[in-house]
Amino acid sequence: MKSNFKTAFVAGGFAVAMATGVFIGQALASQPHMQSALDALRTARSELVAATANKGDHRLKSLDYVDQAIAEVKSGIEYAE
């Protein structure tokens, strides 16, 4: 009897976890432009990190601006959820 309870409990927990994943996926999917912008900003950031030399501090300033933009886009996505 205890084994059936444990199995049901684990199965219920798994179902809740799966449902949560689906809802999170839908929240992200409902904002494709914001998600695309976030991906582009992350790519831009990695390119700036890989760039050589500091370019008169412009590279570092650009990294700061991209980091700020990433934070703002994330805040926008969270706000809409």
PDB file of N, CA and C in Angstrom:
ATOM      1  N   MET A   1       0.825  -1.197   0.000  1.00  0.00           N
ATOM      2  CA  MET A   1       0.000   0.000   0.000  1.00  0.00           C
ATOM      3  C   MET A   1       0.862   1.250   0.000  1.00  0.00           C
ATOM      4  N   LYS A   2       1.931   1.253   0.825  1.00  0.00           N
ATOM      5  CA  LYS A   2       2.810   2.417   0.872  1.00  0.00           C
ATOM      6  C   LYS A   2       3.505   2.626  -0.468  1.00  0.00           C
ATOM      7  N   SER A   3       3.820   1.538  -1.149  1.00  0.00           N
ATOM      8  CA  SER A   3       4.481   1.626  -2.438  1.00  0.00           C
ATOM      9  C   SER A   3       3.586   2.330  -3.463  1.00  0.00           C
ATOM     10  N   ASN A   4       2.293   2.042  -3.440  1.00  0.00           N
ATOM     11  CA  ASN A   4       1.348   2.686  -4.354  1.00  0.00           C
ATOM     12  C   ASN A   4       1.246   4.179  -4.065  1.00  0.00           C
ATOM     13  N   PHE A   5       1.278   4.545  -2.786  1.00  0.00           N
ATOM     14  CA  PHE A   5       1.222   5.960  -2.414  1.00  0.00           C
ATOM     15  C   PHE A   5       2.464   6.692  -2.910  1.00  0.00           C
ATOM     16  N   LYS A   6       3.613   6.081  -2.706  1.00  0.00           N
ATOM     17  CA  LYS A   6       4.854   6.708  -3.164  1.00  0.00           C
ATOM     18  C   LYS A   6       4.861   6.860  -4.676  1.00  0.00           C
ATOM     19  N   THR A   7       4.420   5.849  -5.371  1.00  0.00           N
ATOM     20  CA  THR A   7       4.362   5.904  -6.831  1.00  0.00           C
ATOM     21  C   THR A   7       3.423   7.014  -7.294  1.00  0.00           C
ATOM     22  N   ALA A   8       2.269   7.102  -6.662  1.00  0.00           N
ATOM     23  CA  ALA A   8       1.308   8.144  -7.020  1.00  0.00           C
ATOM     24  C   ALA A   8       1.866   9.521  -6.699  1.00  0.00           C
ATOM     25  N   PHE A   9       2.563   9.634  -5.583  1.00  0.00           N
ATOM     26  CA  PHE A   9       3.150  10.916  -5.184  1.00  0.00           C
ATOM     27  C   PHE A   9       4.219  11.355  -6.179  1.00  0.00           C
ATOM     28  N   VAL A  10       5.096  10.438  -6.550  1.00  0.00           N
ATOM     29  CA  VAL A  10       6.150  10.741  -7.519  1.00  0.00           C
ATOM     30  C   VAL A  10       5.542  11.086  -8.877  1.00  0.00           C
ATOM     31  N   ALA A  11       4.545  10.327  -9.297  1.00  0.00           N
ATOM     32  CA  ALA A  11       3.883  10.586 -10.579  1.00  0.00           C
ATOM     33  C   ALA A  11       3.212  11.960 -10.568  1.00  0.00           C
ATOM     34  N   GLY A  12       2.577  12.298  -9.453  1.00  0.00           N
ATOM     35  CA  GLY A  12       1.945  13.618  -9.338  1.00  0.00           C
ATOM     36  C   GLY A  12       2.964  14.733  -9.390  1.00  0.00           C
ATOM     37  N   GLY A  13       4.076  14.546  -8.710  1.00  0.00           N
ATOM     38  CA  GLY A  13       5.142  15.550  -8.746  1.00  0.00           C
ATOM     39  C   GLY A  13       5.704  15.721 -10.138  1.00  0.00           C
ATOM     40  N   PHE A  14       5.876  14.612 -10.835  1.00  0.00           N
ATOM     41  CA  PHE A  14       6.361  14.667 -12.209  1.00  0.00           C
ATOM     42  C   PHE A  14       5.378  15.413 -13.101  1.00  0.00           C
ATOM     43  N   ALA A  15       4.096  15.152 -12.932  1.00  0.00           N
ATOM     44  CA  ALA A  15       3.066  15.827 -13.735  1.00  0.00           C
ATOM     45  C   ALA A  15       3.076  17.327 -13.484  1.00  0.00           C
ATOM     46  N   VAL A  16       3.234  17.718 -12.239  1.00  0.00           N
ATOM     47  CA  VAL A  16       3.292  19.148 -11.911  1.00  0.00           C
ATOM     48  C   VAL A  16       4.522  19.784 -12.548  1.00  0.00           C
ATOM     49  N   ALA A  17       5.658  19.098 -12.464  1.00  0.00           N
ATOM     50  CA  ALA A  17       6.889  19.623 -13.066  1.00  0.00           C
ATOM     51  C   ALA A  17       6.737  19.779 -14.574  1.00  0.00           C
ATOM     52  N   MET A  18       6.138  18.816 -15.229  1.00  0.00           N
ATOM     53  CA  MET A  18       5.933  18.889 -16.675  1.00  0.00           C
ATOM     54  C   MET A  18       4.990  20.029 -17.034  1.00  0.00           C
ATOM     55  N   ALA A  19       3.917  20.179 -16.290  1.00  0.00           N
ATOM     56  CA  ALA A  19       2.966  21.252 -16.562  1.00  0.00           C
ATOM     57  C   ALA A  19       3.616  22.613 -16.372  1.00  0.00           C
ATOM     58  N   THR A  20       4.441  22.741 -15.349  1.00  0.00           N
ATOM     59  CA  THR A  20       5.154  23.998 -15.117  1.00  0.00           C
ATOM     60  C   THR A  20       6.065  24.306 -16.292  1.00  0.00           C
ATOM     61  N   GLY A  21       6.767  23.306 -16.788  1.00  0.00           N
ATOM     62  CA  GLY A  21       7.642  23.495 -17.940  1.00  0.00           C
ATOM     63  C   GLY A  21       6.874  23.942 -19.168  1.00  0.00           C
ATOM     64  N   VAL A  22       5.699  23.370 -19.376  1.00  0.00           N
ATOM     65  CA  VAL A  22       4.869  23.755 -20.524  1.00  0.00           C
ATOM     66  C   VAL A  22       4.442  25.215 -20.396  1.00  0.00           C
ATOM     67  N   PHE A  23       4.018  25.626 -19.204  1.00  0.00           N
ATOM     68  CA  PHE A  23       3.574  27.005 -19.019  1.00  0.00           C
ATOM     69  C   PHE A  23       4.725  27.988 -19.184  1.00  0.00           C
ATOM     70  N   ILE A  24       5.897  27.637 -18.700  1.00  0.00           N
ATOM     71  CA  ILE A  24       7.063  28.505 -18.881  1.00  0.00           C
ATOM     72  C   ILE A  24       7.406  28.599 -20.358  1.00  0.00           C
ATOM     73  N   GLY A  25       7.354  27.484 -21.044  1.00  0.00           N
ATOM     74  CA  GLY A  25       7.621  27.487 -22.482  1.00  0.00           C
ATOM     75  C   GLY A  25       6.631  28.352 -23.239  1.00  0.00           C
ATOM     76  N   GLN A  26       5.377  28.324 -22.832  1.00  0.00           N
ATOM     77  CA  GLN A  26       4.372  29.154 -23.486  1.00  0.00           C
ATOM     78  C   GLN A  26       4.610  30.632 -23.204  1.00  0.00           C
ATOM     79  N   ALA A  27       5.049  30.949 -21.992  1.00  0.00           N
ATOM     80  CA  ALA A  27       5.324  32.348 -21.654  1.00  0.00           C
ATOM     81  C   ALA A  27       6.458  32.884 -22.522  1.00  0.00           C
ATOM     82  N   LEU A  28       7.493  32.074 -22.711  1.00  0.00           N
ATOM     83  CA  LEU A  28       8.596  32.507 -23.563  1.00  0.00           C
ATOM     84  C   LEU A  28       8.172  32.542 -25.019  1.00  0.00           C
ATOM     85  N   ALA A  29       7.400  31.573 -25.438  1.00  0.00           N
ATOM     86  CA  ALA A  29       6.968  31.500 -26.827  1.00  0.00           C
ATOM     87  C   ALA A  29       6.027  32.641 -27.169  1.00  0.00           C
ATOM     88  N   SER A  30       5.321  33.171 -26.205  1.00  0.00           N
ATOM     89  CA  SER A  30       4.386  34.252 -26.485  1.00  0.00           C
ATOM     90  C   SER A  30       5.093  35.590 -26.662  1.00  0.00           C
ATOM     91  N   GLN A  31       6.411  35.608 -26.474  1.00  0.00           N
ATOM     92  CA  GLN A  31       7.189  36.831 -26.645  1.00  0.00           C
ATOM     93  C   GLN A  31       8.372  36.570 -27.581  1.00  0.00           C
ATOM     94  N   PRO A  32       8.087  36.141 -28.800  1.00  0.00           N
ATOM     95  CA  PRO A  32       9.185  35.740 -29.681  1.00  0.00           C
ATOM     96  C   PRO A  32      10.130  36.881 -30.027  1.00  0.00           C
ATOM     97  N   HIS A  33       9.632  38.083 -30.119  1.00  0.00           N
ATOM     98  CA  HIS A  33      10.497  39.210 -30.477  1.00  0.00           C
ATOM     99  C   HIS A  33      11.426  39.587 -29.319  1.00  0.00           C
ATOM    100  N   MET A  34      10.895  39.539 -28.113  1.00  0.00           N
ATOM    101  CA  MET A  34      11.737  39.822 -26.947  1.00  0.00           C
ATOM    102  C   MET A  34      12.802  38.736 -26.788  1.00  0.00           C
ATOM    103  N   GLN A  35      12.416  37.495 -26.993  1.00  0.00           N
ATOM    104  CA  GLN A  35      13.367  36.388 -26.883  1.00  0.00           C
ATOM    105  C   GLN A  35      14.429  36.494 -27.971  1.00  0.00           C
ATOM    106  N   SER A  36      14.010  36.875 -29.166  1.00  0.00           N
ATOM    107  CA  SER A  36      14.956  37.051 -30.263  1.00  0.00           C
ATOM    108  C   SER A  36      15.927  38.198 -29.974  1.00  0.00           C
ATOM    109  N   ALA A  37      15.415  39.281 -29.418  1.00  0.00           N
ATOM    110  CA  ALA A  37      16.276  40.403 -29.050  1.00  0.00           C
ATOM    111  C   ALA A  37      17.283  39.987 -27.985  1.00  0.00           C
ATOM    112  N   LEU A  38      16.837  39.200 -27.023  1.00  0.00           N
ATOM    113  CA  LEU A  38      17.729  38.720 -25.970  1.00  0.00           C
ATOM    114  C   LEU A  38      18.828  37.836 -26.558  1.00  0.00           C
ATOM    115  N   ASP A  39      18.466  36.973 -27.475  1.00  0.00           N
ATOM    116  CA  ASP A  39      19.457  36.117 -28.125  1.00  0.00           C
ATOM    117  C   ASP A  39      20.476  36.958 -28.906  1.00  0.00           C
ATOM    118  N   ALA A  40      19.991  37.963 -29.621  1.00  0.00           N
ATOM    119  CA  ALA A  40      20.890  38.831 -30.397  1.00  0.00           C
ATOM    120  C   ALA A  40      21.835  39.605 -29.486  1.00  0.00           C
ATOM    121  N   LEU A  41      21.319  40.092 -28.368  1.00  0.00           N
ATOM    122  CA  LEU A  41      22.166  40.815 -27.421  1.00  0.00           C
ATOM    123  C   LEU A  41      23.226  39.903 -26.812  1.00  0.00           C
ATOM    124  N   ARG A  42      22.854  38.682 -26.519  1.00  0.00           N
ATOM    125  CA  ARG A  42      23.838  37.734 -25.984  1.00  0.00           C
ATOM    126  C   ARG A  42      24.921  37.423 -27.013  1.00  0.00           C
ATOM    127  N   THR A  43      24.521  37.326 -28.274  1.00  0.00           N
ATOM    128  CA  THR A  43      25.502  37.108 -29.339  1.00  0.00           C
ATOM    129  C   THR A  43      26.420  38.320 -29.463  1.00  0.00           C
ATOM    130  N   ALA A  44      25.839  39.497 -29.427  1.00  0.00           N
ATOM    131  CA  ALA A  44      26.644  40.722 -29.499  1.00  0.00           C
ATOM    132  C   ALA A  44      27.629  40.795 -28.343  1.00  0.00           C
ATOM    133  N   ARG A  45      27.173  40.415 -27.177  1.00  0.00           N
ATOM    134  CA  ARG A  45      28.054  40.437 -26.004  1.00  0.00           C
ATOM    135  C   ARG A  45      29.233  39.488 -26.183  1.00  0.00           C
ATOM    136  N   SER A  46      28.962  38.303 -26.684  1.00  0.00           N
ATOM    137  CA  SER A  46      30.050  37.336 -26.866  1.00  0.00           C
ATOM    138  C   SER A  46      31.039  37.823 -27.922  1.00  0.00           C
ATOM    139  N   GLU A  47      30.558  38.509 -28.933  1.00  0.00           N
ATOM    140  CA  GLU A  47      31.453  39.076 -29.948  1.00  0.00           C
ATOM    141  C   GLU A  47      32.309  40.198 -29.356  1.00  0.00           C
ATOM    142  N   LEU A  48      31.732  41.022 -28.524  1.00  0.00           N
ATOM    143  CA  LEU A  48      32.501  42.091 -27.878  1.00  0.00           C
ATOM    144  C   LEU A  48      33.562  41.522 -26.938  1.00  0.00           C
ATOM    145  N   VAL A  49      33.214  40.467 -26.228  1.00  0.00           N
ATOM    146  CA  VAL A  49      34.172  39.836 -25.329  1.00  0.00           C
ATOM    147  C   VAL A  49      35.337  39.255 -26.133  1.00  0.00           C
ATOM    148  N   ALA A  50      35.033  38.690 -27.296  1.00  0.00           N
ATOM    149  CA  ALA A  50      36.060  38.062 -28.127  1.00  0.00           C
ATOM    150  C   ALA A  50      36.912  39.082 -28.887  1.00  0.00           C
ATOM    151  N   ALA A  51      36.436  40.316 -29.011  1.00  0.00           N
ATOM    152  CA  ALA A  51      37.179  41.342 -29.759  1.00  0.00           C
ATOM    153  C   ALA A  51      38.507  41.648 -29.077  1.00  0.00           C
ATOM    154  N   THR A  52      39.506  41.955 -29.888  1.00  0.00           N
ATOM    155  CA  THR A  52      40.824  42.273 -29.340  1.00  0.00           C
ATOM    156  C   THR A  52      40.920  43.762 -29.027  1.00  0.00           C
ATOM    157  N   ALA A  53      41.783  44.045 -28.103  1.00  0.00           N
ATOM    158  CA  ALA A  53      42.072  45.414 -27.663  1.00  0.00           C
ATOM    159  C   ALA A  53      40.823  46.122 -27.145  1.00  0.00           C
ATOM    160  N   ASN A  54      41.046  47.261 -26.537  1.00  0.00           N
ATOM    161  CA  ASN A  54      39.939  47.955 -25.890  1.00  0.00           C
ATOM    162  C   ASN A  54      39.334  49.040 -26.768  1.00  0.00           C
ATOM    163  N   LYS A  55      39.987  49.407 -27.840  1.00  0.00           N
ATOM    164  CA  LYS A  55      39.433  50.396 -28.791  1.00  0.00           C
ATOM    165  C   LYS A  55      39.101  51.725 -28.102  1.00  0.00           C
ATOM    166  N   GLY A  56      40.028  52.207 -27.277  1.00  0.00           N
ATOM    167  CA  GLY A  56      39.823  53.498 -26.607  1.00  0.00           C
ATOM    168  C   GLY A  56      38.668  53.488 -25.631  1.00  0.00           C
ATOM    169  N   ASP A  57      38.482  52.405 -24.917  1.00  0.00           N
ATOM    170  CA  ASP A  57      37.400  52.216 -23.944  1.00  0.00           C
ATOM    171  C   ASP A  57      36.024  52.019 -24.567  1.00  0.00           C
ATOM    172  N   HIS A  58      35.910  52.100 -25.873  1.00  0.00           N
ATOM    173  CA  HIS A  58      34.602  51.939 -26.513  1.00  0.00           C
ATOM    174  C   HIS A  58      34.101  50.504 -26.407  1.00  0.00           C
ATOM    175  N   ARG A  59      35.002  49.531 -26.439  1.00  0.00           N
ATOM    176  CA  ARG A  59      34.606  48.130 -26.289  1.00  0.00           C
ATOM    177  C   ARG A  59      34.011  47.887 -24.898  1.00  0.00           C
ATOM    178  N   LEU A  60      34.682  48.410 -23.879  1.00  0.00           N
ATOM    179  CA  LEU A  60      34.170  48.230 -22.518  1.00  0.00           C
ATOM    180  C   LEU A  60      32.851  48.963 -22.308  1.00  0.00           C
ATOM    181  N   LYS A  61      32.736  50.159 -22.854  1.00  0.00           N
ATOM    182  CA  LYS A  61      31.473  50.895 -22.747  1.00  0.00           C
ATOM    183  C   LYS A  61      30.360  50.136 -23.459  1.00  0.00           C
ATOM    184  N   SER A  62      30.695  49.573 -24.617  1.00  0.00           N
ATOM    185  CA  SER A  62      29.699  48.795 -25.363  1.00  0.00           C
ATOM    186  C   SER A  62      29.246  47.585 -24.558  1.00  0.00           C
ATOM    187  N   LEU A  63      30.188  46.912 -23.902  1.00  0.00           N
ATOM    188  CA  LEU A  63      29.829  45.771 -23.047  1.00  0.00           C
ATOM    189  C   LEU A  63      28.875  46.198 -21.940  1.00  0.00           C
ATOM    190  N   ASP A  64      29.154  47.346 -21.338  1.00  0.00           N
ATOM    191  CA  ASP A  64      28.259  47.849 -20.286  1.00  0.00           C
ATOM    192  C   ASP A  64      26.858  48.113 -20.831  1.00  0.00           C
ATOM    193  N   TYR A  65      26.782  48.746 -22.014  1.00  0.00           N
ATOM    194  CA  TYR A  65      25.479  49.045 -22.607  1.00  0.00           C
ATOM    195  C   TYR A  65      24.722  47.766 -22.972  1.00  0.00           C
ATOM    196  N   VAL A  66      25.447  46.790 -23.508  1.00  0.00           N
ATOM    197  CA  VAL A  66      24.801  45.526 -23.869  1.00  0.00           C
ATOM    198  C   VAL A  66      24.309  44.808 -22.611  1.00  0.00           C
ATOM    199  N   ASP A  67      25.115  44.831 -21.549  1.00  0.00           N
ATOM    200  CA  ASP A  67      24.676  44.222 -20.288  1.00  0.00           C
ATOM    201  C   ASP A  67      23.412  44.903 -19.763  1.00  0.00           C
ATOM    202  N   GLN A  68      23.367  46.225 -19.870  1.00  0.00           N
ATOM    203  CA  GLN A  68      22.172  46.957 -19.430  1.00  0.00           C
ATOM    204  C   GLN A  68      20.964  46.581 -20.294  1.00  0.00           C
ATOM    205  N   ALA A  69      21.197  46.470 -21.596  1.00  0.00           N
ATOM    206  CA  ALA A  69      20.106  46.111 -22.502  1.00  0.00           C
ATOM    207  C   ALA A  69      19.599  44.702 -22.214  1.00  0.00           C
ATOM    208  N   ILE A  70      20.503  43.780 -21.941  1.00  0.00           N
ATOM    209  CA  ILE A  70      20.100  42.415 -21.602  1.00  0.00           C
ATOM    210  C   ILE A  70      19.232  42.428 -20.344  1.00  0.00           C
ATOM    211  N   ALA A  71      19.651  43.183 -19.350  1.00  0.00           N
ATOM    212  CA  ALA A  71      18.877  43.276 -18.106  1.00  0.00           C
ATOM    213  C   ALA A  71      17.489  43.864 -18.362  1.00  0.00           C
ATOM    214  N   GLU A  72      17.414  44.880 -19.210  1.00  0.00           N
ATOM    215  CA  GLU A  72      16.119  45.504 -19.502  1.00  0.00           C
ATOM    216  C   GLU A  72      15.191  44.558 -20.259  1.00  0.00           C
ATOM    217  N   VAL A  73      15.736  43.827 -21.214  1.00  0.00           N
ATOM    218  CA  VAL A  73      14.907  42.877 -21.966  1.00  0.00           C
ATOM    219  C   VAL A  73      14.398  41.777 -21.040  1.00  0.00           C
ATOM    220  N   LYS A  74      15.272  41.278 -20.168  1.00  0.00           N
ATOM    221  CA  LYS A  74      14.839  40.261 -19.201  1.00  0.00           C
ATOM    222  C   LYS A  74      13.734  40.816 -18.311  1.00  0.00           C
ATOM    223  N   SER A  75      13.868  42.068 -17.866  1.00  0.00           N
ATOM    224  CA  SER A  75      12.836  42.681 -17.027  1.00  0.00           C
ATOM    225  C   SER A  75      11.522  42.799 -17.793  1.00  0.00           C
ATOM    226  N   GLY A  76      11.604  43.137 -19.057  1.00  0.00           N
ATOM    227  CA  GLY A  76      10.404  43.236 -19.883  1.00  0.00           C
ATOM    228  C   GLY A  76       9.713  41.900 -20.040  1.00  0.00           C
ATOM    229  N   ILE A  77      10.499  40.845 -20.230  1.00  0.00           N
ATOM    230  CA  ILE A  77       9.925  39.510 -20.356  1.00  0.00           C
ATOM    231  C   ILE A  77       9.254  39.103 -19.044  1.00  0.00           C
ATOM    232  N   GLU A  78       9.923  39.342 -17.941  1.00  0.00           N
ATOM    233  CA  GLU A  78       9.357  38.994 -16.626  1.00  0.00           C
ATOM    234  C   GLU A  78       8.103  39.802 -16.327  1.00  0.00           C
ATOM    235  N   TYR A  79       8.097  41.070 -16.711  1.00  0.00           N
ATOM    236  CA  TYR A  79       6.948  41.934 -16.458  1.00  0.00           C
ATOM    237  C   TYR A  79       5.705  41.427 -17.180  1.00  0.00           C
ATOM    238  N   ALA A  80       5.911  40.938 -18.390  1.00  0.00           N
ATOM    239  CA  ALA A  80       4.777  40.492 -19.205  1.00  0.00           C
ATOM    240  C   ALA A  80       4.219  39.152 -18.761  1.00  0.00           C
ATOM    241  N   GLU A  81       4.930  38.435 -17.909  1.00  0.00           N
ATOM    242  CA  GLU A  81       4.458  37.104 -17.507  1.00  0.00           C
ATOM    243  C   GLU A  81       3.387  37.181 -16.482  1.00  0.00           C
TER     244      GLU A  81
END
